[in-house]
Amino acid sequence: MKRVFNRPFPPLAEKSQRLKSAFFIAFFVFLFLFIFRPFGLSQIENGLPGITALYGLITLLFLLLTLFVFPEVFPNFYLEQKWTVGKEIATSMGNVLLIAIGNFLLSCFLGFFPWSLSTLLLFIGFTLAIGIIPVTVQALIRQNYYHLRNTKAVLVDNRMIAKRIDKTDEESMVRISPDEGKEDFTSSVGEILAIESSGNYIEVHRISKKPVLLRKSLNATEDELPDQFLRVHRSWIVQLNSIDHISGNARGYTLSFENSAIQVPVSRGKLKDFDDALRRISRK
């Protein structure tokens, strides 16, 4: 069971996707309560839309807290490269629990439940007991789906890499201008493996050489590079012809390079761009 919980899991979605998800769930809660009227709501004759909207608002506020605030406050827990099935289940149950507590307190305030610690604990117990099975099943289904999809996709990508005749480009040159006015960094395209963001600096990883540290943002660097380079992650740009092997799991792709220990993640939102770019260079 421990091995199942430690399986890689797709990391948190982009902020826009998280925001859409939070509003969708909150609207679903509002609609469900308005239509089916559980927990004594059927006794309300006036003001039902406003009251059910309050439950939806409480749901939205707690979702925004867990989806946006917690990752900023606890960044080490929410690291993409360490996101697992167990963490996904734990955070999902945490969401369910917080929303349940918030809506319980609102119910007490509106007079639907008498406030007492025993009632709260009973409410929490029922919520956890009901929620744990669907949350766990959903997480396992999603993990299996993304794992199968990504491992199948990298088989095709690795075949394209194996068919390449020339993996390097010795004639094309790259020039990167540091922000601090120092001398430009120049190198052949084929010498560069990847470029990594490191705070206000970038590290240029090269074949059989030490990385070069330059003061420059990754965004600005991306604008100076030829089309053999691709941004695959918020912290990484890769030189496509230098990739030696691709491995895949539910979290996404991981790129490996010959004669180098670095491994580069491909974020979920960049998978299609990466596959398309690999096909493009394989035709050359």
C-alpha atoms as a PDB file:
ATOM      1  CA  MET A   1       0.000   0.000   0.000  1.00  0.00           C
ATOM      2  CA  LYS A   2       2.882   2.372   0.771  1.00  0.00           C
ATOM      3  CA  ARG A   3       4.245   1.820  -2.733  1.00  0.00           C
ATOM      4  CA  VAL A   4       0.859   2.802  -4.209  1.00  0.00           C
ATOM      5  CA  PHE A   5       0.762   6.046  -2.213  1.00  0.00           C
ATOM      6  CA  ASN A   6       4.321   6.886  -3.315  1.00  0.00           C
ATOM      7  CA  ARG A   7       3.533   6.640  -7.026  1.00  0.00           C
ATOM      8  CA  PRO A   8       4.141   9.854  -9.004  1.00  0.00           C
ATOM      9  CA  PHE A   9       1.031  11.923  -9.524  1.00  0.00           C
ATOM     10  CA  PRO A  10       0.315  14.829 -11.917  1.00  0.00           C
ATOM     11  CA  PRO A  11       1.224  18.062 -10.120  1.00  0.00           C
ATOM     12  CA  LEU A  12      -1.135  20.930  -9.430  1.00  0.00           C
ATOM     13  CA  ALA A  13      -2.660  22.435 -12.562  1.00  0.00           C
ATOM     14  CA  GLU A  14      -1.848  25.909 -13.854  1.00  0.00           C
ATOM     15  CA  LYS A  15      -3.369  28.782 -11.855  1.00  0.00           C
ATOM     16  CA  SER A  16      -6.052  29.470 -14.449  1.00  0.00           C
ATOM     17  CA  GLN A  17      -7.140  25.831 -14.372  1.00  0.00           C
ATOM     18  CA  ARG A  18      -7.192  25.794 -10.579  1.00  0.00           C
ATOM     19  CA  LEU A  19      -9.336  28.929 -10.553  1.00  0.00           C
ATOM     20  CA  LYS A  20     -11.816  27.432 -13.017  1.00  0.00           C
ATOM     21  CA  SER A  21     -11.957  24.236 -10.955  1.00  0.00           C
ATOM     22  CA  ALA A  22     -12.648  26.167  -7.728  1.00  0.00           C
ATOM     23  CA  PHE A  23     -15.503  28.151  -9.309  1.00  0.00           C
ATOM     24  CA  PHE A  24     -16.966  25.020 -10.905  1.00  0.00           C
ATOM     25  CA  ILE A  25     -17.026  23.083  -7.612  1.00  0.00           C
ATOM     26  CA  ALA A  26     -18.492  26.063  -5.728  1.00  0.00           C
ATOM     27  CA  PHE A  27     -21.205  26.471  -8.369  1.00  0.00           C
ATOM     28  CA  PHE A  28     -21.935  22.732  -8.204  1.00  0.00           C
ATOM     29  CA  VAL A  29     -22.396  22.960  -4.414  1.00  0.00           C
ATOM     30  CA  PHE A  30     -24.749  25.923  -4.841  1.00  0.00           C
ATOM     31  CA  LEU A  31     -26.754  24.150  -7.572  1.00  0.00           C
ATOM     32  CA  PHE A  32     -26.930  20.845  -5.674  1.00  0.00           C
ATOM     33  CA  LEU A  33     -28.204  22.501  -2.496  1.00  0.00           C
ATOM     34  CA  PHE A  34     -30.655  24.711  -4.383  1.00  0.00           C
ATOM     35  CA  ILE A  35     -32.186  21.789  -6.304  1.00  0.00           C
ATOM     36  CA  PHE A  36     -32.192  18.992  -3.697  1.00  0.00           C
ATOM     37  CA  ARG A  37     -32.444  21.136  -0.527  1.00  0.00           C
ATOM     38  CA  PRO A  38     -30.919  18.778   2.071  1.00  0.00           C
ATOM     39  CA  PHE A  39     -30.065  19.621   5.728  1.00  0.00           C
ATOM     40  CA  GLY A  40     -33.364  21.388   6.392  1.00  0.00           C
ATOM     41  CA  LEU A  41     -33.151  23.694   3.385  1.00  0.00           C
ATOM     42  CA  SER A  42     -36.493  22.337   2.171  1.00  0.00           C
ATOM     43  CA  GLN A  43     -38.152  24.165   5.083  1.00  0.00           C
ATOM     44  CA  ILE A  44     -36.990  27.556   3.850  1.00  0.00           C
ATOM     45  CA  GLU A  45     -39.674  29.498   2.039  1.00  0.00           C
ATOM     46  CA  ASN A  46     -37.866  32.782   1.379  1.00  0.00           C
ATOM     47  CA  GLY A  47     -34.248  33.585   0.591  1.00  0.00           C
ATOM     48  CA  LEU A  48     -33.219  30.100  -0.555  1.00  0.00           C
ATOM     49  CA  PRO A  49     -31.047  31.338  -3.485  1.00  0.00           C
ATOM     50  CA  GLY A  50     -29.097  33.645  -1.172  1.00  0.00           C
ATOM     51  CA  ILE A  51     -28.584  30.983   1.484  1.00  0.00           C
ATOM     52  CA  THR A  52     -27.413  28.311  -0.974  1.00  0.00           C
ATOM     53  CA  ALA A  53     -25.146  30.940  -2.577  1.00  0.00           C
ATOM     54  CA  LEU A  54     -23.555  31.442   0.858  1.00  0.00           C
ATOM     55  CA  TYR A  55     -22.675  27.733   0.986  1.00  0.00           C
ATOM     56  CA  GLY A  56     -21.181  28.022  -2.486  1.00  0.00           C
ATOM     57  CA  LEU A  57     -19.189  31.088  -1.397  1.00  0.00           C
ATOM     58  CA  ILE A  58     -17.804  29.290   1.672  1.00  0.00           C
ATOM     59  CA  THR A  59     -16.796  26.390  -0.587  1.00  0.00           C
ATOM     60  CA  LEU A  60     -15.071  28.792  -3.003  1.00  0.00           C
ATOM     61  CA  LEU A  61     -13.150  30.604  -0.256  1.00  0.00           C
ATOM     62  CA  PHE A  62     -11.754  27.391   1.220  1.00  0.00           C
ATOM     63  CA  LEU A  63     -10.833  26.062  -2.217  1.00  0.00           C
ATOM     64  CA  LEU A  64      -8.977  29.284  -3.027  1.00  0.00           C
ATOM     65  CA  LEU A  65      -7.180  28.931   0.301  1.00  0.00           C
ATOM     66  CA  THR A  66      -6.035  25.356  -0.358  1.00  0.00           C
ATOM     67  CA  LEU A  67      -5.306  25.785  -4.065  1.00  0.00           C
ATOM     68  CA  PHE A  68      -3.475  29.115  -3.979  1.00  0.00           C
ATOM     69  CA  VAL A  69      -2.412  30.088  -0.444  1.00  0.00           C
ATOM     70  CA  PHE A  70      -1.206  26.742   0.911  1.00  0.00           C
ATOM     71  CA  PRO A  71       1.212  26.084  -2.008  1.00  0.00           C
ATOM     72  CA  GLU A  72       2.829  29.471  -1.325  1.00  0.00           C
ATOM     73  CA  VAL A  73       3.026  28.939   2.447  1.00  0.00           C
ATOM     74  CA  PHE A  74       4.238  25.316   2.224  1.00  0.00           C
ATOM     75  CA  PRO A  75       6.262  25.231  -1.031  1.00  0.00           C
ATOM     76  CA  ASN A  76       8.350  22.186  -0.045  1.00  0.00           C
ATOM     77  CA  PHE A  77       5.239  20.063   0.430  1.00  0.00           C
ATOM     78  CA  TYR A  78       3.820  21.080  -2.955  1.00  0.00           C
ATOM     79  CA  LEU A  79       6.963  20.494  -5.033  1.00  0.00           C
ATOM     80  CA  GLU A  80       5.915  19.216  -8.466  1.00  0.00           C
ATOM     81  CA  GLN A  81       8.706  16.654  -8.701  1.00  0.00           C
ATOM     82  CA  LYS A  82       7.642  15.128  -5.364  1.00  0.00           C
ATOM     83  CA  TRP A  83       3.868  15.099  -5.854  1.00  0.00           C
ATOM     84  CA  THR A  84       2.470  11.619  -5.198  1.00  0.00           C
ATOM     85  CA  VAL A  85      -0.807   9.719  -5.002  1.00  0.00           C
ATOM     86  CA  GLY A  86      -0.640   9.928  -1.206  1.00  0.00           C
ATOM     87  CA  LYS A  87      -0.228  13.718  -1.237  1.00  0.00           C
ATOM     88  CA  GLU A  88      -3.073  14.085  -3.716  1.00  0.00           C
ATOM     89  CA  ILE A  89      -5.410  12.020  -1.521  1.00  0.00           C
ATOM     90  CA  ALA A  90      -4.317  13.869   1.630  1.00  0.00           C
ATOM     91  CA  THR A  91      -4.845  17.328   0.130  1.00  0.00           C
ATOM     92  CA  SER A  92      -8.176  16.337  -1.438  1.00  0.00           C
ATOM     93  CA  MET A  93      -9.426  15.043   1.908  1.00  0.00           C
ATOM     94  CA  GLY A  94      -8.111  18.220   3.532  1.00  0.00           C
ATOM     95  CA  ASN A  95     -10.201  20.229   1.061  1.00  0.00           C
ATOM     96  CA  VAL A  96     -13.276  18.132   1.841  1.00  0.00           C
ATOM     97  CA  LEU A  97     -12.692  18.523   5.582  1.00  0.00           C
ATOM     98  CA  LEU A  98     -12.190  22.303   5.492  1.00  0.00           C
ATOM     99  CA  ILE A  99     -15.244  22.816   3.307  1.00  0.00           C
ATOM    100  CA  ALA A 100     -17.304  20.584   5.596  1.00  0.00           C
ATOM    101  CA  ILE A 101     -16.222  22.540   8.693  1.00  0.00           C
ATOM    102  CA  GLY A 102     -16.929  25.866   6.994  1.00  0.00           C
ATOM    103  CA  ASN A 103     -20.373  24.801   5.864  1.00  0.00           C
ATOM    104  CA  PHE A 104     -21.121  23.243   9.268  1.00  0.00           C
ATOM    105  CA  LEU A 105     -20.320  26.549  10.985  1.00  0.00           C
ATOM    106  CA  LEU A 106     -22.506  28.375   8.476  1.00  0.00           C
ATOM    107  CA  SER A 107     -25.340  25.899   9.172  1.00  0.00           C
ATOM    108  CA  CYS A 108     -24.995  26.579  12.901  1.00  0.00           C
ATOM    109  CA  PHE A 109     -25.033  30.321  12.270  1.00  0.00           C
ATOM    110  CA  LEU A 110     -28.210  29.965  10.186  1.00  0.00           C
ATOM    111  CA  GLY A 111     -29.815  27.801  12.877  1.00  0.00           C
ATOM    112  CA  PHE A 112     -29.933  24.525  10.941  1.00  0.00           C
ATOM    113  CA  PHE A 113     -27.717  22.687  13.484  1.00  0.00           C
ATOM    114  CA  PRO A 114     -27.222  23.218  17.220  1.00  0.00           C
ATOM    115  CA  TRP A 115     -23.589  24.098  17.904  1.00  0.00           C
ATOM    116  CA  SER A 116     -21.630  21.605  20.005  1.00  0.00           C
ATOM    117  CA  LEU A 117     -18.215  20.013  19.802  1.00  0.00           C
ATOM    118  CA  SER A 118     -19.696  16.517  19.684  1.00  0.00           C
ATOM    119  CA  THR A 119     -21.937  17.495  16.752  1.00  0.00           C
ATOM    120  CA  LEU A 120     -18.930  18.970  14.914  1.00  0.00           C
ATOM    121  CA  LEU A 121     -16.839  15.841  15.494  1.00  0.00           C
ATOM    122  CA  LEU A 122     -19.714  13.631  14.351  1.00  0.00           C
ATOM    123  CA  PHE A 123     -20.127  15.799  11.241  1.00  0.00           C
ATOM    124  CA  ILE A 124     -16.388  15.564  10.505  1.00  0.00           C
ATOM    125  CA  GLY A 125     -16.407  11.799  11.022  1.00  0.00           C
ATOM    126  CA  PHE A 126     -19.273  11.295   8.597  1.00  0.00           C
ATOM    127  CA  THR A 127     -17.619  13.604   6.058  1.00  0.00           C
ATOM    128  CA  LEU A 128     -14.300  11.734   6.172  1.00  0.00           C
ATOM    129  CA  ALA A 129     -15.976   8.327   6.053  1.00  0.00           C
ATOM    130  CA  ILE A 130     -18.071   9.288   3.050  1.00  0.00           C
ATOM    131  CA  GLY A 131     -15.316  11.178   1.226  1.00  0.00           C
ATOM    132  CA  ILE A 132     -12.308   8.861   1.549  1.00  0.00           C
ATOM    133  CA  ILE A 133     -13.506   6.196  -0.908  1.00  0.00           C
ATOM    134  CA  PRO A 134     -14.436   8.416  -3.890  1.00  0.00           C
ATOM    135  CA  VAL A 135     -11.343  10.607  -3.360  1.00  0.00           C
ATOM    136  CA  THR A 136      -9.021   7.585  -3.263  1.00  0.00           C
ATOM    137  CA  VAL A 137     -10.658   5.847  -6.239  1.00  0.00           C
ATOM    138  CA  GLN A 138     -10.534   9.045  -8.308  1.00  0.00           C
ATOM    139  CA  ALA A 139      -6.838   9.571  -7.488  1.00  0.00           C
ATOM    140  CA  LEU A 140      -5.923   5.998  -8.439  1.00  0.00           C
ATOM    141  CA  ILE A 141      -7.875   6.202 -11.709  1.00  0.00           C
ATOM    142  CA  ARG A 142      -6.219   9.496 -12.662  1.00  0.00           C
ATOM    143  CA  GLN A 143      -2.764   8.194 -11.755  1.00  0.00           C
ATOM    144  CA  ASN A 144      -3.244   5.076 -13.853  1.00  0.00           C
ATOM    145  CA  TYR A 145      -4.629   7.057 -16.801  1.00  0.00           C
ATOM    146  CA  TYR A 146      -1.766   9.577 -16.922  1.00  0.00           C
ATOM    147  CA  HIS A 147       0.837   6.873 -16.321  1.00  0.00           C
ATOM    148  CA  LEU A 148      -0.390   4.764 -19.248  1.00  0.00           C
ATOM    149  CA  ARG A 149      -0.778   7.800 -21.514  1.00  0.00           C
ATOM    150  CA  ASN A 150       2.687   9.209 -20.825  1.00  0.00           C
ATOM    151  CA  THR A 151       4.563   5.911 -20.936  1.00  0.00           C
ATOM    152  CA  LYS A 152       2.932   5.124 -24.281  1.00  0.00           C
ATOM    153  CA  ALA A 153       3.770   8.584 -25.643  1.00  0.00           C
ATOM    154  CA  VAL A 154       7.461   8.386 -24.726  1.00  0.00           C
ATOM    155  CA  LEU A 155       7.836   5.124 -26.628  1.00  0.00           C
ATOM    156  CA  VAL A 156       7.034   7.048 -29.817  1.00  0.00           C
ATOM    157  CA  ASP A 157       9.310   9.933 -28.818  1.00  0.00           C
ATOM    158  CA  ASN A 158      12.225   7.634 -28.033  1.00  0.00           C
ATOM    159  CA  ARG A 159      11.856   5.974 -31.430  1.00  0.00           C
ATOM    160  CA  MET A 160      12.111   9.394 -33.063  1.00  0.00           C
ATOM    161  CA  ILE A 161      15.256  10.140 -31.029  1.00  0.00           C
ATOM    162  CA  ALA A 162      16.813   6.800 -32.019  1.00  0.00           C
ATOM    163  CA  LYS A 163      16.263   7.527 -35.724  1.00  0.00           C
ATOM    164  CA  ARG A 164      18.107  10.837 -35.643  1.00  0.00           C
ATOM    165  CA  ILE A 165      21.318  10.705 -37.650  1.00  0.00           C
ATOM    166  CA  ASP A 166      22.934  13.901 -36.396  1.00  0.00           C
ATOM    167  CA  LYS A 167      22.285  14.896 -32.784  1.00  0.00           C
ATOM    168  CA  THR A 168      24.459  18.004 -32.768  1.00  0.00           C
ATOM    169  CA  ASP A 169      24.743  21.253 -34.615  1.00  0.00           C
ATOM    170  CA  GLU A 170      28.353  22.398 -34.574  1.00  0.00           C
ATOM    171  CA  GLU A 171      27.950  25.353 -36.931  1.00  0.00           C
ATOM    172  CA  SER A 172      25.037  27.274 -35.402  1.00  0.00           C
ATOM    173  CA  MET A 173      26.068  29.559 -32.571  1.00  0.00           C
ATOM    174  CA  VAL A 174      24.221  30.819 -29.509  1.00  0.00           C
ATOM    175  CA  ARG A 175      24.879  34.226 -27.995  1.00  0.00           C
ATOM    176  CA  ILE A 176      23.451  35.141 -24.580  1.00  0.00           C
ATOM    177  CA  SER A 177      23.839  38.695 -23.267  1.00  0.00           C
ATOM    178  CA  PRO A 178      24.012  38.873 -19.432  1.00  0.00           C
ATOM    179  CA  ASP A 179      22.004  41.589 -17.677  1.00  0.00           C
ATOM    180  CA  GLU A 180      24.978  42.992 -15.781  1.00  0.00           C
ATOM    181  CA  GLY A 181      26.873  44.194 -18.860  1.00  0.00           C
ATOM    182  CA  LYS A 182      29.544  41.519 -18.832  1.00  0.00           C
ATOM    183  CA  GLU A 183      30.880  39.914 -21.968  1.00  0.00           C
ATOM    184  CA  ASP A 184      28.341  37.904 -23.962  1.00  0.00           C
ATOM    185  CA  PHE A 185      28.383  34.140 -23.586  1.00  0.00           C
ATOM    186  CA  THR A 186      28.797  32.347 -26.913  1.00  0.00           C
ATOM    187  CA  SER A 187      28.689  28.652 -27.693  1.00  0.00           C
ATOM    188  CA  SER A 188      27.783  26.283 -30.475  1.00  0.00           C
ATOM    189  CA  VAL A 189      24.243  24.949 -30.270  1.00  0.00           C
ATOM    190  CA  GLY A 190      25.494  21.365 -30.112  1.00  0.00           C
ATOM    191  CA  GLU A 191      27.558  22.054 -26.983  1.00  0.00           C
ATOM    192  CA  ILE A 192      24.537  23.078 -24.912  1.00  0.00           C
ATOM    193  CA  LEU A 193      22.317  20.517 -23.217  1.00  0.00           C
ATOM    194  CA  ALA A 194      19.880  22.657 -21.286  1.00  0.00           C
ATOM    195  CA  ILE A 195      19.458  25.993 -19.526  1.00  0.00           C
ATOM    196  CA  GLU A 196      18.146  26.104 -15.978  1.00  0.00           C
ATOM    197  CA  SER A 197      16.658  28.994 -14.028  1.00  0.00           C
ATOM    198  CA  SER A 198      18.426  29.680 -10.731  1.00  0.00           C
ATOM    199  CA  GLY A 199      16.835  32.683  -9.032  1.00  0.00           C
ATOM    200  CA  ASN A 200      17.964  35.810 -10.894  1.00  0.00           C
ATOM    201  CA  TYR A 201      20.502  33.714 -12.784  1.00  0.00           C
ATOM    202  CA  ILE A 202      20.566  30.974 -15.372  1.00  0.00           C
ATOM    203  CA  GLU A 203      22.844  27.948 -15.529  1.00  0.00           C
ATOM    204  CA  VAL A 204      23.904  26.840 -18.996  1.00  0.00           C
ATOM    205  CA  HIS A 205      24.561  23.091 -18.845  1.00  0.00           C
ATOM    206  CA  ARG A 206      27.105  21.949 -21.430  1.00  0.00           C
ATOM    207  CA  ILE A 207      28.547  18.671 -22.692  1.00  0.00           C
ATOM    208  CA  SER A 208      31.421  17.488 -20.479  1.00  0.00           C
ATOM    209  CA  LYS A 209      31.953  20.994 -19.087  1.00  0.00           C
ATOM    210  CA  LYS A 210      30.993  22.868 -15.939  1.00  0.00           C
ATOM    211  CA  PRO A 211      27.751  24.860 -16.115  1.00  0.00           C
ATOM    212  CA  VAL A 212      28.090  28.569 -16.868  1.00  0.00           C
ATOM    213  CA  LEU A 213      26.271  30.918 -14.475  1.00  0.00           C
ATOM    214  CA  LEU A 214      24.880  34.118 -16.001  1.00  0.00           C
ATOM    215  CA  ARG A 215      22.767  36.874 -14.494  1.00  0.00           C
ATOM    216  CA  LYS A 216      19.676  36.777 -16.706  1.00  0.00           C
ATOM    217  CA  SER A 217      16.066  35.653 -16.508  1.00  0.00           C
ATOM    218  CA  LEU A 218      14.962  32.496 -18.274  1.00  0.00           C
ATOM    219  CA  ASN A 219      12.213  34.451 -20.068  1.00  0.00           C
ATOM    220  CA  ALA A 220      14.700  36.903 -21.545  1.00  0.00           C
ATOM    221  CA  THR A 221      17.065  34.068 -22.459  1.00  0.00           C
ATOM    222  CA  GLU A 222      14.299  32.219 -24.287  1.00  0.00           C
ATOM    223  CA  ASP A 223      13.869  35.179 -26.654  1.00  0.00           C
ATOM    224  CA  GLU A 224      17.527  34.977 -27.733  1.00  0.00           C
ATOM    225  CA  LEU A 225      17.626  31.286 -28.605  1.00  0.00           C
ATOM    226  CA  PRO A 226      17.157  29.605 -32.012  1.00  0.00           C
ATOM    227  CA  ASP A 227      14.378  27.117 -32.705  1.00  0.00           C
ATOM    228  CA  GLN A 228      16.462  24.094 -31.602  1.00  0.00           C
ATOM    229  CA  PHE A 229      15.648  25.201 -28.037  1.00  0.00           C
ATOM    230  CA  LEU A 230      12.309  24.728 -26.310  1.00  0.00           C
ATOM    231  CA  ARG A 231      10.924  25.874 -22.963  1.00  0.00           C
ATOM    232  CA  VAL A 232       9.630  22.650 -21.369  1.00  0.00           C
ATOM    233  CA  HIS A 233       9.159  23.826 -17.790  1.00  0.00           C
ATOM    234  CA  ARG A 234       9.027  27.122 -15.929  1.00  0.00           C
ATOM    235  CA  SER A 235      12.611  26.443 -14.812  1.00  0.00           C
ATOM    236  CA  TRP A 236      14.073  24.713 -17.884  1.00  0.00           C
ATOM    237  CA  ILE A 237      14.869  25.201 -21.556  1.00  0.00           C
ATOM    238  CA  VAL A 238      16.334  22.247 -23.463  1.00  0.00           C
ATOM    239  CA  GLN A 239      18.342  21.905 -26.648  1.00  0.00           C
ATOM    240  CA  LEU A 240      16.164  19.364 -28.448  1.00  0.00           C
ATOM    241  CA  ASN A 241      18.951  17.636 -30.378  1.00  0.00           C
ATOM    242  CA  SER A 242      20.868  16.896 -27.174  1.00  0.00           C
ATOM    243  CA  ILE A 243      18.142  14.707 -25.602  1.00  0.00           C
ATOM    244  CA  ASP A 244      19.295  11.112 -25.275  1.00  0.00           C
ATOM    245  CA  HIS A 245      16.294   9.433 -23.612  1.00  0.00           C
ATOM    246  CA  ILE A 246      12.803  10.214 -22.370  1.00  0.00           C
ATOM    247  CA  SER A 247      11.072   8.453 -19.497  1.00  0.00           C
ATOM    248  CA  GLY A 248       7.426   8.921 -18.582  1.00  0.00           C
ATOM    249  CA  ASN A 249       5.147   8.455 -15.604  1.00  0.00           C
ATOM    250  CA  ALA A 250       1.880   9.969 -14.358  1.00  0.00           C
ATOM    251  CA  ARG A 251       3.675  13.195 -13.470  1.00  0.00           C
ATOM    252  CA  GLY A 252       4.903  13.769 -17.028  1.00  0.00           C
ATOM    253  CA  TYR A 253       8.156  13.292 -18.929  1.00  0.00           C
ATOM    254  CA  THR A 254      11.747  13.341 -17.684  1.00  0.00           C
ATOM    255  CA  LEU A 255      14.524  14.104 -20.175  1.00  0.00           C
ATOM    256  CA  SER A 256      18.004  12.572 -19.889  1.00  0.00           C
ATOM    257  CA  PHE A 257      21.193  13.541 -21.696  1.00  0.00           C
ATOM    258  CA  GLU A 258      24.242  11.567 -22.759  1.00  0.00           C
ATOM    259  CA  ASN A 259      27.318  12.019 -20.515  1.00  0.00           C
ATOM    260  CA  SER A 260      25.351  14.193 -18.093  1.00  0.00           C
ATOM    261  CA  ALA A 261      23.622  13.573 -14.774  1.00  0.00           C
ATOM    262  CA  ILE A 262      20.995  16.305 -15.194  1.00  0.00           C
ATOM    263  CA  GLN A 263      17.382  15.302 -15.628  1.00  0.00           C
ATOM    264  CA  VAL A 264      14.840  17.799 -16.901  1.00  0.00           C
ATOM    265  CA  PRO A 265      11.095  17.580 -16.184  1.00  0.00           C
ATOM    266  CA  VAL A 266       8.556  18.454 -18.866  1.00  0.00           C
ATOM    267  CA  SER A 267       5.551  20.144 -17.282  1.00  0.00           C
ATOM    268  CA  ARG A 268       2.106  18.799 -18.096  1.00  0.00           C
ATOM    269  CA  GLY A 269       1.123  21.944 -19.983  1.00  0.00           C
ATOM    270  CA  LYS A 270       4.184  21.611 -22.238  1.00  0.00           C
ATOM    271  CA  LEU A 271       3.802  17.947 -23.234  1.00  0.00           C
ATOM    272  CA  LYS A 272       2.040  18.630 -26.538  1.00  0.00           C
ATOM    273  CA  ASP A 273       4.473  21.414 -27.496  1.00  0.00           C
ATOM    274  CA  PHE A 274       7.359  19.080 -26.723  1.00  0.00           C
ATOM    275  CA  ASP A 275       5.949  16.193 -28.791  1.00  0.00           C
ATOM    276  CA  ASP A 276       5.273  18.557 -31.717  1.00  0.00           C
ATOM    277  CA  ALA A 277       8.779  20.052 -31.526  1.00  0.00           C
ATOM    278  CA  LEU A 278      10.374  16.602 -31.445  1.00  0.00           C
ATOM    279  CA  ARG A 279       8.459  15.587 -34.550  1.00  0.00           C
ATOM    280  CA  ARG A 280       9.531  18.800 -36.259  1.00  0.00           C
ATOM    281  CA  ILE A 281      13.242  18.307 -35.683  1.00  0.00           C
ATOM    282  CA  SER A 282      13.063  14.595 -36.503  1.00  0.00           C
ATOM    283  CA  ARG A 283      11.934  15.474 -40.021  1.00  0.00           C
ATOM    284  CA  LYS A 284      15.000  17.598 -40.683  1.00  0.00           C
END
